[in-house]
Amino acid sequence: MEWLEEQVRWMQWSLPSAIFFLALFFTLIGMSIWEGYRPCVRRKGFLPMVTTRGDRLFLGIISTIGICMLWIGLFKGVLMILPLVIAAVWFFVLAKWG
């Protein structure tokens, strides 16, 4: 455990950042297991390209980060629940119909 503490000491860990990284880690593991049981089919949704489940997950994560960073830049991080709700809705729409 001491070795692990030394390796991550440079990062300013907080409970929200730890929860975020754990959620991301378990999402990737879950997607890998899901892919093993039910291989995805490439499909064309409203995006201008054919995507897989993993592509839509990646695009959803990146666009969620972009939405939150844009909100912080424009509104100085006030009322951060709004961009999280917007990002969650966008992530669902992208995953379902993207």
N, C-alpha and C. Protein backbone atom coordinates (compact mmCIF):
# COMPACT_ATOMS: atom_id res chain seq x y z
N MET A 1 0.83 -1.19 0.00
CA MET A 1 0.00 0.00 0.00
C MET A 1 0.87 1.26 0.00
N GLU A 2 2.01 1.20 0.65
CA GLU A 2 2.91 2.35 0.69
C GLU A 2 3.42 2.70 -0.70
N TRP A 3 3.73 1.66 -1.48
CA TRP A 3 4.22 1.88 -2.84
C TRP A 3 3.17 2.60 -3.68
N LEU A 4 1.91 2.18 -3.53
CA LEU A 4 0.83 2.82 -4.27
C LEU A 4 0.68 4.28 -3.87
N GLU A 5 0.78 4.57 -2.60
CA GLU A 5 0.70 5.96 -2.13
C GLU A 5 1.80 6.81 -2.74
N GLU A 6 3.01 6.26 -2.84
CA GLU A 6 4.12 7.00 -3.44
C GLU A 6 3.86 7.28 -4.91
N GLN A 7 3.27 6.34 -5.61
CA GLN A 7 3.06 6.48 -7.05
C GLN A 7 1.98 7.51 -7.39
N VAL A 8 1.01 7.71 -6.52
CA VAL A 8 -0.08 8.64 -6.82
C VAL A 8 -0.05 9.90 -5.97
N ARG A 9 1.00 10.10 -5.22
CA ARG A 9 1.10 11.28 -4.35
C ARG A 9 1.10 12.58 -5.14
N TRP A 10 1.64 12.57 -6.36
CA TRP A 10 1.74 13.79 -7.16
C TRP A 10 0.37 14.33 -7.57
N MET A 11 -0.65 13.47 -7.61
CA MET A 11 -1.97 13.91 -8.01
C MET A 11 -2.78 14.33 -6.78
N GLN A 12 -3.51 15.39 -6.91
CA GLN A 12 -4.34 15.88 -5.81
C GLN A 12 -5.66 15.11 -5.80
N TRP A 13 -5.66 13.95 -5.17
CA TRP A 13 -6.86 13.11 -5.16
C TRP A 13 -7.90 13.69 -4.22
N SER A 14 -9.12 13.63 -4.66
CA SER A 14 -10.26 13.98 -3.82
C SER A 14 -11.28 12.87 -4.01
N LEU A 15 -12.29 12.85 -3.19
CA LEU A 15 -13.31 11.82 -3.30
C LEU A 15 -14.01 11.87 -4.67
N PRO A 16 -14.41 13.05 -5.17
CA PRO A 16 -15.04 13.06 -6.50
C PRO A 16 -14.12 12.56 -7.61
N SER A 17 -12.84 12.91 -7.58
CA SER A 17 -11.95 12.44 -8.64
C SER A 17 -11.71 10.94 -8.53
N ALA A 18 -11.62 10.41 -7.32
CA ALA A 18 -11.47 8.97 -7.14
C ALA A 18 -12.72 8.22 -7.62
N ILE A 19 -13.88 8.75 -7.32
CA ILE A 19 -15.13 8.13 -7.79
C ILE A 19 -15.20 8.15 -9.31
N PHE A 20 -14.80 9.27 -9.91
CA PHE A 20 -14.82 9.38 -11.37
C PHE A 20 -13.92 8.34 -12.01
N PHE A 21 -12.68 8.22 -11.54
CA PHE A 21 -11.75 7.28 -12.14
C PHE A 21 -12.17 5.83 -11.89
N LEU A 22 -12.73 5.55 -10.73
CA LEU A 22 -13.24 4.19 -10.48
C LEU A 22 -14.43 3.88 -11.39
N ALA A 23 -15.31 4.84 -11.58
CA ALA A 23 -16.45 4.64 -12.47
C ALA A 23 -15.99 4.41 -13.90
N LEU A 24 -15.01 5.17 -14.34
CA LEU A 24 -14.46 4.99 -15.68
C LEU A 24 -13.81 3.61 -15.82
N PHE A 25 -13.05 3.21 -14.83
CA PHE A 25 -12.39 1.90 -14.83
C PHE A 25 -13.42 0.77 -14.90
N PHE A 26 -14.45 0.83 -14.07
CA PHE A 26 -15.46 -0.23 -14.07
C PHE A 26 -16.33 -0.20 -15.33
N THR A 27 -16.51 0.98 -15.91
CA THR A 27 -17.24 1.07 -17.18
C THR A 27 -16.48 0.35 -18.28
N LEU A 28 -15.18 0.56 -18.34
CA LEU A 28 -14.37 -0.11 -19.35
C LEU A 28 -14.34 -1.62 -19.14
N ILE A 29 -14.26 -2.06 -17.91
CA ILE A 29 -14.31 -3.49 -17.62
C ILE A 29 -15.68 -4.05 -18.01
N GLY A 30 -16.74 -3.35 -17.64
CA GLY A 30 -18.09 -3.80 -18.00
C GLY A 30 -18.30 -3.88 -19.49
N MET A 31 -17.80 -2.89 -20.23
CA MET A 31 -17.92 -2.91 -21.69
C MET A 31 -17.15 -4.08 -22.28
N SER A 32 -16.00 -4.40 -21.72
CA SER A 32 -15.22 -5.54 -22.21
C SER A 32 -15.97 -6.85 -21.97
N ILE A 33 -16.55 -7.00 -20.81
CA ILE A 33 -17.32 -8.22 -20.50
C ILE A 33 -18.54 -8.30 -21.41
N TRP A 34 -19.24 -7.19 -21.57
CA TRP A 34 -20.42 -7.14 -22.43
C TRP A 34 -20.06 -7.53 -23.87
N GLU A 35 -18.93 -7.04 -24.34
CA GLU A 35 -18.47 -7.35 -25.69
C GLU A 35 -18.21 -8.86 -25.85
N GLY A 36 -17.71 -9.49 -24.79
CA GLY A 36 -17.46 -10.92 -24.83
C GLY A 36 -18.74 -11.74 -24.92
N TYR A 37 -19.77 -11.30 -24.22
CA TYR A 37 -21.04 -12.03 -24.23
C TYR A 37 -21.91 -11.70 -25.43
N ARG A 38 -21.87 -10.46 -25.84
CA ARG A 38 -22.73 -10.02 -26.93
C ARG A 38 -21.95 -9.06 -27.83
N PRO A 39 -21.25 -9.59 -28.82
CA PRO A 39 -20.46 -8.72 -29.70
C PRO A 39 -21.32 -7.64 -30.36
N CYS A 40 -20.76 -6.45 -30.46
CA CYS A 40 -21.53 -5.34 -31.00
C CYS A 40 -21.58 -5.40 -32.52
N VAL A 41 -22.57 -4.74 -33.04
CA VAL A 41 -22.78 -4.65 -34.48
C VAL A 41 -22.54 -3.20 -34.87
N ARG A 42 -21.76 -3.00 -35.90
CA ARG A 42 -21.54 -1.63 -36.38
C ARG A 42 -22.84 -1.12 -36.99
N ARG A 43 -23.18 0.13 -36.66
CA ARG A 43 -24.42 0.68 -37.20
C ARG A 43 -24.28 2.17 -37.46
N LYS A 44 -25.18 2.66 -38.27
CA LYS A 44 -25.20 4.08 -38.63
C LYS A 44 -26.39 4.73 -37.95
N GLY A 45 -26.12 5.69 -37.08
CA GLY A 45 -27.17 6.46 -36.44
C GLY A 45 -27.17 7.86 -37.00
N PHE A 46 -27.39 8.85 -36.12
CA PHE A 46 -27.38 10.23 -36.60
C PHE A 46 -25.98 10.79 -36.78
N LEU A 47 -24.96 10.09 -36.27
CA LEU A 47 -23.58 10.54 -36.47
C LEU A 47 -23.19 10.31 -37.94
N PRO A 48 -22.27 11.12 -38.45
CA PRO A 48 -21.92 10.99 -39.87
C PRO A 48 -20.96 9.84 -40.18
N MET A 49 -20.96 8.82 -39.33
CA MET A 49 -20.07 7.68 -39.54
C MET A 49 -20.70 6.44 -38.92
N VAL A 50 -20.21 5.30 -39.32
CA VAL A 50 -20.66 4.04 -38.74
C VAL A 50 -19.89 3.84 -37.44
N THR A 51 -20.60 3.50 -36.36
CA THR A 51 -19.95 3.39 -35.05
C THR A 51 -20.29 2.06 -34.38
N THR A 52 -19.46 1.72 -33.42
CA THR A 52 -19.71 0.57 -32.55
C THR A 52 -20.08 1.10 -31.18
N ARG A 53 -20.43 0.20 -30.29
CA ARG A 53 -20.77 0.57 -28.91
C ARG A 53 -19.59 1.29 -28.25
N GLY A 54 -18.39 0.79 -28.47
CA GLY A 54 -17.19 1.40 -27.88
C GLY A 54 -16.91 2.79 -28.44
N ASP A 55 -17.16 2.96 -29.74
CA ASP A 55 -16.99 4.29 -30.34
C ASP A 55 -17.92 5.30 -29.70
N ARG A 56 -19.17 4.90 -29.52
CA ARG A 56 -20.15 5.82 -28.91
C ARG A 56 -19.81 6.10 -27.46
N LEU A 57 -19.28 5.11 -26.74
CA LEU A 57 -18.84 5.33 -25.36
C LEU A 57 -17.71 6.37 -25.34
N PHE A 58 -16.72 6.19 -26.20
CA PHE A 58 -15.60 7.12 -26.26
C PHE A 58 -16.07 8.53 -26.61
N LEU A 59 -16.91 8.64 -27.65
CA LEU A 59 -17.43 9.95 -28.03
C LEU A 59 -18.26 10.58 -26.91
N GLY A 60 -19.01 9.76 -26.19
CA GLY A 60 -19.80 10.26 -25.07
C GLY A 60 -18.93 10.79 -23.94
N ILE A 61 -17.86 10.07 -23.63
CA ILE A 61 -16.95 10.52 -22.56
C ILE A 61 -16.26 11.82 -22.97
N ILE A 62 -15.75 11.87 -24.19
CA ILE A 62 -15.05 13.07 -24.66
C ILE A 62 -16.00 14.27 -24.72
N SER A 63 -17.21 14.06 -25.24
CA SER A 63 -18.14 15.20 -25.34
C SER A 63 -18.63 15.64 -23.96
N THR A 64 -18.76 14.71 -23.02
CA THR A 64 -19.13 15.09 -21.65
C THR A 64 -18.05 15.98 -21.03
N ILE A 65 -16.80 15.62 -21.24
CA ILE A 65 -15.70 16.45 -20.75
C ILE A 65 -15.77 17.82 -21.41
N GLY A 66 -16.02 17.84 -22.72
CA GLY A 66 -16.11 19.12 -23.43
C GLY A 66 -17.24 19.99 -22.93
N ILE A 67 -18.40 19.41 -22.67
CA ILE A 67 -19.54 20.17 -22.16
C ILE A 67 -19.20 20.78 -20.81
N CYS A 68 -18.60 19.99 -19.94
CA CYS A 68 -18.26 20.51 -18.60
C CYS A 68 -17.17 21.58 -18.66
N MET A 69 -16.17 21.38 -19.52
CA MET A 69 -15.10 22.38 -19.64
C MET A 69 -15.63 23.68 -20.26
N LEU A 70 -16.52 23.56 -21.23
CA LEU A 70 -17.12 24.75 -21.83
C LEU A 70 -17.94 25.52 -20.79
N TRP A 71 -18.68 24.79 -19.98
CA TRP A 71 -19.48 25.43 -18.93
C TRP A 71 -18.57 26.16 -17.94
N ILE A 72 -17.50 25.51 -17.53
CA ILE A 72 -16.56 26.13 -16.59
C ILE A 72 -15.96 27.39 -17.22
N GLY A 73 -15.60 27.30 -18.50
CA GLY A 73 -15.02 28.46 -19.17
C GLY A 73 -15.99 29.62 -19.33
N LEU A 74 -17.24 29.31 -19.64
CA LEU A 74 -18.22 30.37 -19.87
C LEU A 74 -18.84 30.92 -18.58
N PHE A 75 -19.09 30.04 -17.62
CA PHE A 75 -19.84 30.46 -16.43
C PHE A 75 -19.05 30.32 -15.14
N LYS A 76 -17.75 30.15 -15.24
CA LYS A 76 -16.85 30.09 -14.08
C LYS A 76 -17.21 28.98 -13.10
N GLY A 77 -17.82 27.92 -13.59
CA GLY A 77 -18.11 26.76 -12.75
C GLY A 77 -19.29 26.93 -11.81
N VAL A 78 -20.13 27.94 -12.05
CA VAL A 78 -21.29 28.17 -11.21
C VAL A 78 -22.38 27.14 -11.55
N LEU A 79 -22.99 26.58 -10.54
CA LEU A 79 -24.11 25.65 -10.70
C LEU A 79 -23.74 24.49 -11.63
N MET A 80 -22.75 23.72 -11.23
CA MET A 80 -22.21 22.64 -12.07
C MET A 80 -23.17 21.48 -12.28
N ILE A 81 -24.30 21.46 -11.60
CA ILE A 81 -25.25 20.38 -11.81
C ILE A 81 -25.88 20.48 -13.21
N LEU A 82 -26.03 21.71 -13.72
CA LEU A 82 -26.64 21.89 -15.05
C LEU A 82 -25.83 21.23 -16.17
N PRO A 83 -24.52 21.47 -16.27
CA PRO A 83 -23.80 20.79 -17.35
C PRO A 83 -23.75 19.28 -17.16
N LEU A 84 -23.80 18.82 -15.92
CA LEU A 84 -23.82 17.38 -15.69
C LEU A 84 -25.13 16.76 -16.18
N VAL A 85 -26.23 17.46 -15.97
CA VAL A 85 -27.52 16.97 -16.48
C VAL A 85 -27.53 17.01 -18.01
N ILE A 86 -27.07 18.12 -18.58
CA ILE A 86 -27.00 18.24 -20.03
C ILE A 86 -26.11 17.14 -20.61
N ALA A 87 -24.95 16.91 -19.99
CA ALA A 87 -24.03 15.89 -20.47
C ALA A 87 -24.62 14.50 -20.33
N ALA A 88 -25.35 14.24 -19.26
CA ALA A 88 -25.97 12.91 -19.07
C ALA A 88 -27.03 12.66 -20.14
N VAL A 89 -27.84 13.67 -20.44
CA VAL A 89 -28.86 13.53 -21.49
C VAL A 89 -28.18 13.32 -22.84
N TRP A 90 -27.16 14.12 -23.13
CA TRP A 90 -26.43 13.98 -24.39
C TRP A 90 -25.80 12.59 -24.49
N PHE A 91 -25.21 12.10 -23.41
CA PHE A 91 -24.56 10.78 -23.40
C PHE A 91 -25.60 9.70 -23.71
N PHE A 92 -26.78 9.79 -23.12
CA PHE A 92 -27.82 8.81 -23.38
C PHE A 92 -28.26 8.85 -24.83
N VAL A 93 -28.50 10.06 -25.37
CA VAL A 93 -28.93 10.20 -26.76
C VAL A 93 -27.85 9.65 -27.70
N LEU A 94 -26.60 9.97 -27.43
CA LEU A 94 -25.51 9.50 -28.26
C LEU A 94 -25.39 7.97 -28.21
N ALA A 95 -25.52 7.40 -27.03
CA ALA A 95 -25.40 5.94 -26.88
C ALA A 95 -26.57 5.23 -27.54
N LYS A 96 -27.75 5.79 -27.45
CA LYS A 96 -28.94 5.14 -27.97
C LYS A 96 -29.10 5.31 -29.49
N TRP A 97 -28.96 6.53 -29.98
CA TRP A 97 -29.26 6.80 -31.39
C TRP A 97 -28.06 7.27 -32.21
N GLY A 98 -26.90 7.40 -31.59
CA GLY A 98 -25.72 7.89 -32.31
C GLY A 98 -25.20 6.88 -33.21
